[in-house]
Each structure stands twice: as structure tokens, then as C-alpha cells.
PDB file of N, CA and C in Angstrom:
ATOM      1  N   GLN A   1       0.828  -1.186   0.000  1.00  0.00           N
ATOM      2  CA  GLN A   1       0.000   0.000   0.000  1.00  0.00           C
ATOM      3  C   GLN A   1       0.871   1.248   0.000  1.00  0.00           C
ATOM      4  N   TRP A   2       0.350   2.260  -0.608  1.00  0.00           N
ATOM      5  CA  TRP A   2       1.061   3.530  -0.709  1.00  0.00           C
ATOM      6  C   TRP A   2       1.325   4.125   0.671  1.00  0.00           C
ATOM      7  N   LEU A   3       0.336   4.083   1.548  1.00  0.00           N
ATOM      8  CA  LEU A   3       0.515   4.658   2.885  1.00  0.00           C
ATOM      9  C   LEU A   3       1.597   3.937   3.675  1.00  0.00           C
ATOM     10  N   ASP A   4       1.723   2.636   3.475  1.00  0.00           N
ATOM     11  CA  ASP A   4       2.781   1.883   4.159  1.00  0.00           C
ATOM     12  C   ASP A   4       4.165   2.372   3.745  1.00  0.00           C
ATOM     13  N   ARG A   5       4.310   2.772   2.482  1.00  0.00           N
ATOM     14  CA  ARG A   5       5.610   3.240   1.985  1.00  0.00           C
ATOM     15  C   ARG A   5       6.034   4.550   2.628  1.00  0.00           C
ATOM     16  N   ILE A   6       5.063   5.403   2.977  1.00  0.00           N
ATOM     17  CA  ILE A   6       5.426   6.719   3.513  1.00  0.00           C
ATOM     18  C   ILE A   6       5.240   6.837   5.019  1.00  0.00           C
ATOM     19  N   ALA A   7       4.731   5.799   5.655  1.00  0.00           N
ATOM     20  CA  ALA A   7       4.513   5.832   7.105  1.00  0.00           C
ATOM     21  C   ALA A   7       5.830   6.152   7.810  1.00  0.00           C
ATOM     22  N   GLY A   8       5.763   7.062   8.744  1.00  0.00           N
ATOM     23  CA  GLY A   8       6.948   7.425   9.513  1.00  0.00           C
ATOM     24  C   GLY A   8       7.794   8.518   8.888  1.00  0.00           C
ATOM     25  N   ASN A   9       7.501   8.905   7.660  1.00  0.00           N
ATOM     26  CA  ASN A   9       8.250  10.001   7.033  1.00  0.00           C
ATOM     27  C   ASN A   9       7.934  11.315   7.736  1.00  0.00           C
ATOM     28  N   ASP A  10       8.917  12.155   7.869  1.00  0.00           N
ATOM     29  CA  ASP A  10       8.723  13.496   8.411  1.00  0.00           C
ATOM     30  C   ASP A  10       8.340  14.399   7.248  1.00  0.00           C
ATOM     31  N   PRO A  11       7.093  14.897   7.218  1.00  0.00           N
ATOM     32  CA  PRO A  11       6.653  15.704   6.072  1.00  0.00           C
ATOM     33  C   PRO A  11       7.484  16.962   5.848  1.00  0.00           C
ATOM     34  N   GLY A  12       8.132  17.465   6.890  1.00  0.00           N
ATOM     35  CA  GLY A  12       8.973  18.639   6.736  1.00  0.00           C
ATOM     36  C   GLY A  12      10.351  18.329   6.185  1.00  0.00           C
ATOM     37  N   GLN A  13      10.724  17.067   6.192  1.00  0.00           N
ATOM     38  CA  GLN A  13      12.070  16.677   5.787  1.00  0.00           C
ATOM     39  C   GLN A  13      12.115  15.751   4.571  1.00  0.00           C
ATOM     40  N   THR A  14      11.053  15.021   4.340  1.00  0.00           N
ATOM     41  CA  THR A  14      11.069  13.982   3.319  1.00  0.00           C
ATOM     42  C   THR A  14      10.102  14.318   2.194  1.00  0.00           C
ATOM     43  N   GLN A  15      10.609  14.349   0.979  1.00  0.00           N
ATOM     44  CA  GLN A  15       9.724  14.517  -0.169  1.00  0.00           C
ATOM     45  C   GLN A  15       9.048  13.192  -0.468  1.00  0.00           C
ATOM     46  N   VAL A  16       7.787  13.266  -0.824  1.00  0.00           N
ATOM     47  CA  VAL A  16       7.063  12.074  -1.226  1.00  0.00           C
ATOM     48  C   VAL A  16       6.957  12.102  -2.739  1.00  0.00           C
ATOM     49  N   VAL A  17       7.516  11.103  -3.365  1.00  0.00           N
ATOM     50  CA  VAL A  17       7.476  10.999  -4.818  1.00  0.00           C
ATOM     51  C   VAL A  17       6.415   9.977  -5.176  1.00  0.00           C
ATOM     52  N   THR A  18       5.500  10.377  -6.043  1.00  0.00           N
ATOM     53  CA  THR A  18       4.454   9.459  -6.485  1.00  0.00           C
ATOM     54  C   THR A  18       4.573   9.229  -7.981  1.00  0.00           C
ATOM     55  N   THR A  19       4.026   8.117  -8.403  1.00  0.00           N
ATOM     56  CA  THR A  19       3.948   7.815  -9.830  1.00  0.00           C
ATOM     57  C   THR A  19       2.539   8.142 -10.300  1.00  0.00           C
ATOM     58  N   ILE A  20       2.339   8.155 -11.593  1.00  0.00           N
ATOM     59  CA  ILE A  20       0.992   8.380 -12.117  1.00  0.00           C
ATOM     60  C   ILE A  20       0.064   7.254 -11.652  1.00  0.00           C
ATOM     61  N   GLY A  21       0.612   6.057 -11.495  1.00  0.00           N
ATOM     62  CA  GLY A  21      -0.180   4.943 -10.966  1.00  0.00           C
ATOM     63  C   GLY A  21      -0.638   5.198  -9.544  1.00  0.00           C
ATOM     64  N   ASP A  22       0.263   5.745  -8.710  1.00  0.00           N
ATOM     65  CA  ASP A  22      -0.112   6.121  -7.345  1.00  0.00           C
ATOM     66  C   ASP A  22      -1.233   7.149  -7.378  1.00  0.00           C
ATOM     67  N   GLU A  23      -1.054   8.171  -8.190  1.00  0.00           N
ATOM     68  CA  GLU A  23      -2.046   9.248  -8.264  1.00  0.00           C
ATOM     69  C   GLU A  23      -3.405   8.735  -8.727  1.00  0.00           C
ATOM     70  N   ARG A  24      -3.400   7.808  -9.664  1.00  0.00           N
ATOM     71  CA  ARG A  24      -4.670   7.251 -10.149  1.00  0.00           C
ATOM     72  C   ARG A  24      -5.405   6.489  -9.065  1.00  0.00           C
ATOM     73  N   SER A  25      -4.678   5.952  -8.114  1.00  0.00           N
ATOM     74  CA  SER A  25      -5.339   5.193  -7.054  1.00  0.00           C
ATOM     75  C   SER A  25      -5.690   6.042  -5.836  1.00  0.00           C
ATOM     76  N   ILE A  26      -4.990   7.172  -5.607  1.00  0.00           N
ATOM     77  CA  ILE A  26      -5.226   7.947  -4.381  1.00  0.00           C
ATOM     78  C   ILE A  26      -5.809   9.337  -4.608  1.00  0.00           C
ATOM     79  N   ASN A  27      -5.679   9.883  -5.793  1.00  0.00           N
ATOM     80  CA  ASN A  27      -6.119  11.247  -6.061  1.00  0.00           C
ATOM     81  C   ASN A  27      -7.570  11.234  -6.543  1.00  0.00           C
ATOM     82  N   ALA A  28      -8.438  11.862  -5.773  1.00  0.00           N
ATOM     83  CA  ALA A  28      -9.866  11.857  -6.106  1.00  0.00           C
ATOM     84  C   ALA A  28     -10.144  12.446  -7.485  1.00  0.00           C
ATOM     85  N   PHE A  29      -9.336  13.389  -7.931  1.00  0.00           N
ATOM     86  CA  PHE A  29      -9.556  14.003  -9.239  1.00  0.00           C
ATOM     87  C   PHE A  29      -9.249  13.044 -10.388  1.00  0.00           C
ATOM     88  N   PHE A  30      -8.503  11.980 -10.121  1.00  0.00           N
ATOM     89  CA  PHE A  30      -8.256  10.932 -11.116  1.00  0.00           C
ATOM     90  C   PHE A  30      -9.286   9.815 -11.011  1.00  0.00           C
ATOM     91  N   ARG A  31     -10.213   9.919 -10.057  1.00  0.00           N
ATOM     92  CA  ARG A  31     -11.180   8.851  -9.803  1.00  0.00           C
ATOM     93  C   ARG A  31     -12.604   9.372  -9.884  1.00  0.00           C
ATOM     94  N   LEU A  32     -12.880  10.222 -10.850  1.00  0.00           N
ATOM     95  CA  LEU A  32     -14.190  10.858 -10.954  1.00  0.00           C
ATOM     96  C   LEU A  32     -15.327   9.860 -11.135  1.00  0.00           C
ATOM     97  N   GLY A  33     -15.066   8.736 -11.760  1.00  0.00           N
ATOM     98  CA  GLY A  33     -16.098   7.726 -11.976  1.00  0.00           C
ATOM     99  C   GLY A  33     -16.271   6.760 -10.820  1.00  0.00           C
ATOM    100  N   SER A  34     -15.520   6.965  -9.752  1.00  0.00           N
ATOM    101  CA  SER A  34     -15.559   6.056  -8.607  1.00  0.00           C
ATOM    102  C   SER A  34     -16.886   6.163  -7.863  1.00  0.00           C
ATOM    103  N   GLU A  35     -17.511   5.018  -7.660  1.00  0.00           N
ATOM    104  CA  GLU A  35     -18.758   4.983  -6.904  1.00  0.00           C
ATOM    105  C   GLU A  35     -18.530   5.466  -5.471  1.00  0.00           C
ATOM    106  N   GLU A  36     -17.392   5.106  -4.899  1.00  0.00           N
ATOM    107  CA  GLU A  36     -17.062   5.523  -3.534  1.00  0.00           C
ATOM    108  C   GLU A  36     -16.972   7.049  -3.426  1.00  0.00           C
ATOM    109  N   ILE A  37     -16.304   7.679  -4.378  1.00  0.00           N
ATOM    110  CA  ILE A  37     -16.185   9.145  -4.381  1.00  0.00           C
ATOM    111  C   ILE A  37     -17.566   9.775  -4.497  1.00  0.00           C
ATOM    112  N   ARG A  38     -18.360   9.291  -5.440  1.00  0.00           N
ATOM    113  CA  ARG A  38     -19.696   9.865  -5.657  1.00  0.00           C
ATOM    114  C   ARG A  38     -20.600   9.673  -4.452  1.00  0.00           C
ATOM    115  N   GLN A  39     -20.532   8.519  -3.811  1.00  0.00           N
ATOM    116  CA  GLN A  39     -21.347   8.290  -2.613  1.00  0.00           C
ATOM    117  C   GLN A  39     -20.941   9.243  -1.496  1.00  0.00           C
ATOM    118  N   ASN A  40     -19.647   9.447  -1.310  1.00  0.00           N
ATOM    119  CA  ASN A  40     -19.180  10.358  -0.263  1.00  0.00           C
ATOM    120  C   ASN A  40     -19.565  11.802  -0.530  1.00  0.00           C
ATOM    121  N   LEU A  41     -19.788  12.136  -1.790  1.00  0.00           N
ATOM    122  CA  LEU A  41     -20.226  13.482  -2.154  1.00  0.00           C
ATOM    123  C   LEU A  41     -21.746  13.571  -2.261  1.00  0.00           C
ATOM    124  N   ALA A  42     -22.443  12.462  -2.000  1.00  0.00           N
ATOM    125  CA  ALA A  42     -23.901  12.367  -2.157  1.00  0.00           C
ATOM    126  C   ALA A  42     -24.308  12.702  -3.588  1.00  0.00           C
ATOM    127  N   LEU A  43     -23.556  12.161  -4.551  1.00  0.00           N
ATOM    128  CA  LEU A  43     -23.806  12.398  -5.973  1.00  0.00           C
ATOM    129  C   LEU A  43     -23.905  11.068  -6.723  1.00  0.00           C
ATOM    130  N   ASP A  44     -24.750  10.179  -6.238  1.00  0.00           N
ATOM    131  CA  ASP A  44     -24.807   8.828  -6.797  1.00  0.00           C
ATOM    132  C   ASP A  44     -25.056   8.782  -8.302  1.00  0.00           C
ATOM    133  N   GLN A  45     -25.830   9.692  -8.840  1.00  0.00           N
ATOM    134  CA  GLN A  45     -26.167   9.679 -10.266  1.00  0.00           C
ATOM    135  C   GLN A  45     -25.426  10.759 -11.057  1.00  0.00           C
ATOM    136  N   ALA A  46     -24.353  11.259 -10.523  1.00  0.00           N
ATOM    137  CA  ALA A  46     -23.634  12.388 -11.129  1.00  0.00           C
ATOM    138  C   ALA A  46     -22.797  11.966 -12.328  1.00  0.00           C
ATOM    139  N   THR A  47     -22.564  12.925 -13.201  1.00  0.00           N
ATOM    140  CA  THR A  47     -21.618  12.742 -14.297  1.00  0.00           C
ATOM    141  C   THR A  47     -20.213  13.020 -13.765  1.00  0.00           C
ATOM    142  N   ASP A  48     -19.211  12.692 -14.575  1.00  0.00           N
ATOM    143  CA  ASP A  48     -17.831  13.009 -14.184  1.00  0.00           C
ATOM    144  C   ASP A  48     -17.662  14.511 -13.983  1.00  0.00           C
ATOM    145  N   GLU A  49     -18.304  15.299 -14.847  1.00  0.00           N
ATOM    146  CA  GLU A  49     -18.194  16.760 -14.728  1.00  0.00           C
ATOM    147  C   GLU A  49     -18.794  17.250 -13.410  1.00  0.00           C
ATOM    148  N   MET A  50     -19.960  16.730 -13.052  1.00  0.00           N
ATOM    149  CA  MET A  50     -20.593  17.129 -11.794  1.00  0.00           C
ATOM    150  C   MET A  50     -19.727  16.726 -10.595  1.00  0.00           C
ATOM    151  N   THR A  51     -19.129  15.548 -10.680  1.00  0.00           N
ATOM    152  CA  THR A  51     -18.247  15.074  -9.611  1.00  0.00           C
ATOM    153  C   THR A  51     -17.027  15.978  -9.498  1.00  0.00           C
ATOM    154  N   PHE A  52     -16.423  16.322 -10.635  1.00  0.00           N
ATOM    155  CA  PHE A  52     -15.265  17.216 -10.630  1.00  0.00           C
ATOM    156  C   PHE A  52     -15.622  18.555  -9.989  1.00  0.00           C
ATOM    157  N   LEU A  53     -16.749  19.130 -10.392  1.00  0.00           N
ATOM    158  CA  LEU A  53     -17.144  20.434  -9.856  1.00  0.00           C
ATOM    159  C   LEU A  53     -17.389  20.373  -8.348  1.00  0.00           C
ATOM    160  N   ALA A  54     -17.979  19.291  -7.871  1.00  0.00           N
ATOM    161  CA  ALA A  54     -18.211  19.138  -6.430  1.00  0.00           C
ATOM    162  C   ALA A  54     -16.887  19.002  -5.676  1.00  0.00           C
ATOM    163  N   LEU A  55     -15.958  18.232  -6.228  1.00  0.00           N
ATOM    164  CA  LEU A  55     -14.633  18.107  -5.605  1.00  0.00           C
ATOM    165  C   LEU A  55     -13.899  19.442  -5.606  1.00  0.00           C
ATOM    166  N   ARG A  56     -13.965  20.147  -6.725  1.00  0.00           N
ATOM    167  CA  ARG A  56     -13.273  21.433  -6.848  1.00  0.00           C
ATOM    168  C   ARG A  56     -13.826  22.433  -5.840  1.00  0.00           C
ATOM    169  N   LYS A  57     -15.153  22.445  -5.667  1.00  0.00           N
ATOM    170  CA  LYS A  57     -15.757  23.358  -4.698  1.00  0.00           C
ATOM    171  C   LYS A  57     -15.267  23.038  -3.289  1.00  0.00           C
ATOM    172  N   ARG A  58     -15.241  21.761  -2.952  1.00  0.00           N
ATOM    173  CA  ARG A  58     -14.744  21.385  -1.623  1.00  0.00           C
ATOM    174  C   ARG A  58     -13.281  21.771  -1.450  1.00  0.00           C
ATOM    175  N   ARG A  59     -12.504  21.585  -2.479  1.00  0.00           N
ATOM    176  CA  ARG A  59     -11.080  21.945  -2.422  1.00  0.00           C
ATOM    177  C   ARG A  59     -10.924  23.458  -2.261  1.00  0.00           C
ATOM    178  N   ASN A  60     -11.731  24.226  -2.979  1.00  0.00           N
ATOM    179  CA  ASN A  60     -11.663  25.687  -2.886  1.00  0.00           C
ATOM    180  C   ASN A  60     -12.066  26.185  -1.499  1.00  0.00           C
ATOM    181  N   ASP A  61     -13.011  25.489  -0.869  1.00  0.00           N
ATOM    182  CA  ASP A  61     -13.519  25.904   0.440  1.00  0.00           C
ATOM    183  C   ASP A  61     -12.703  25.350   1.605  1.00  0.00           C
ATOM    184  N   TRP A  62     -11.746  24.498   1.343  1.00  0.00           N
ATOM    185  CA  TRP A  62     -10.979  23.818   2.387  1.00  0.00           C
ATOM    186  C   TRP A  62     -10.103  24.738   3.148  1.00  0.00           C
TER     187      TRP A  62
END
């Protein structure tokens, strides 16, 4: 697992290098069609565009 690889790293001292494969599995913006993402956003019937916009709004408000 990706988290196992970085466990114990000091975020102020250690750069975390990811691959595109890592990003596809952990980055919500690469997983717009994910049922899990849509359920967590309460967007069960959403399009990829609607999912992206909901994620972007949450990111902007964070």
C-alpha cells in the first residue's frame, strides 16, 4: 500500500514521490467515476463533470 511506503516520514524533511499509478489510485480528481467518491459526495447519479465540480468546490472551500 502507498501509505505503508510513507509511514513514519517526516513531512517537513522527506519529499514524497508518487507515480501516475499512485495518483490514479489515491487522487480523487483521477477517480471521478468512482462509486465511492460519488457516494461520499452524495452524488450517486452524477456525471464526471458534476463530480469534478463538487470536488473542486470542496477543495476551494478547504
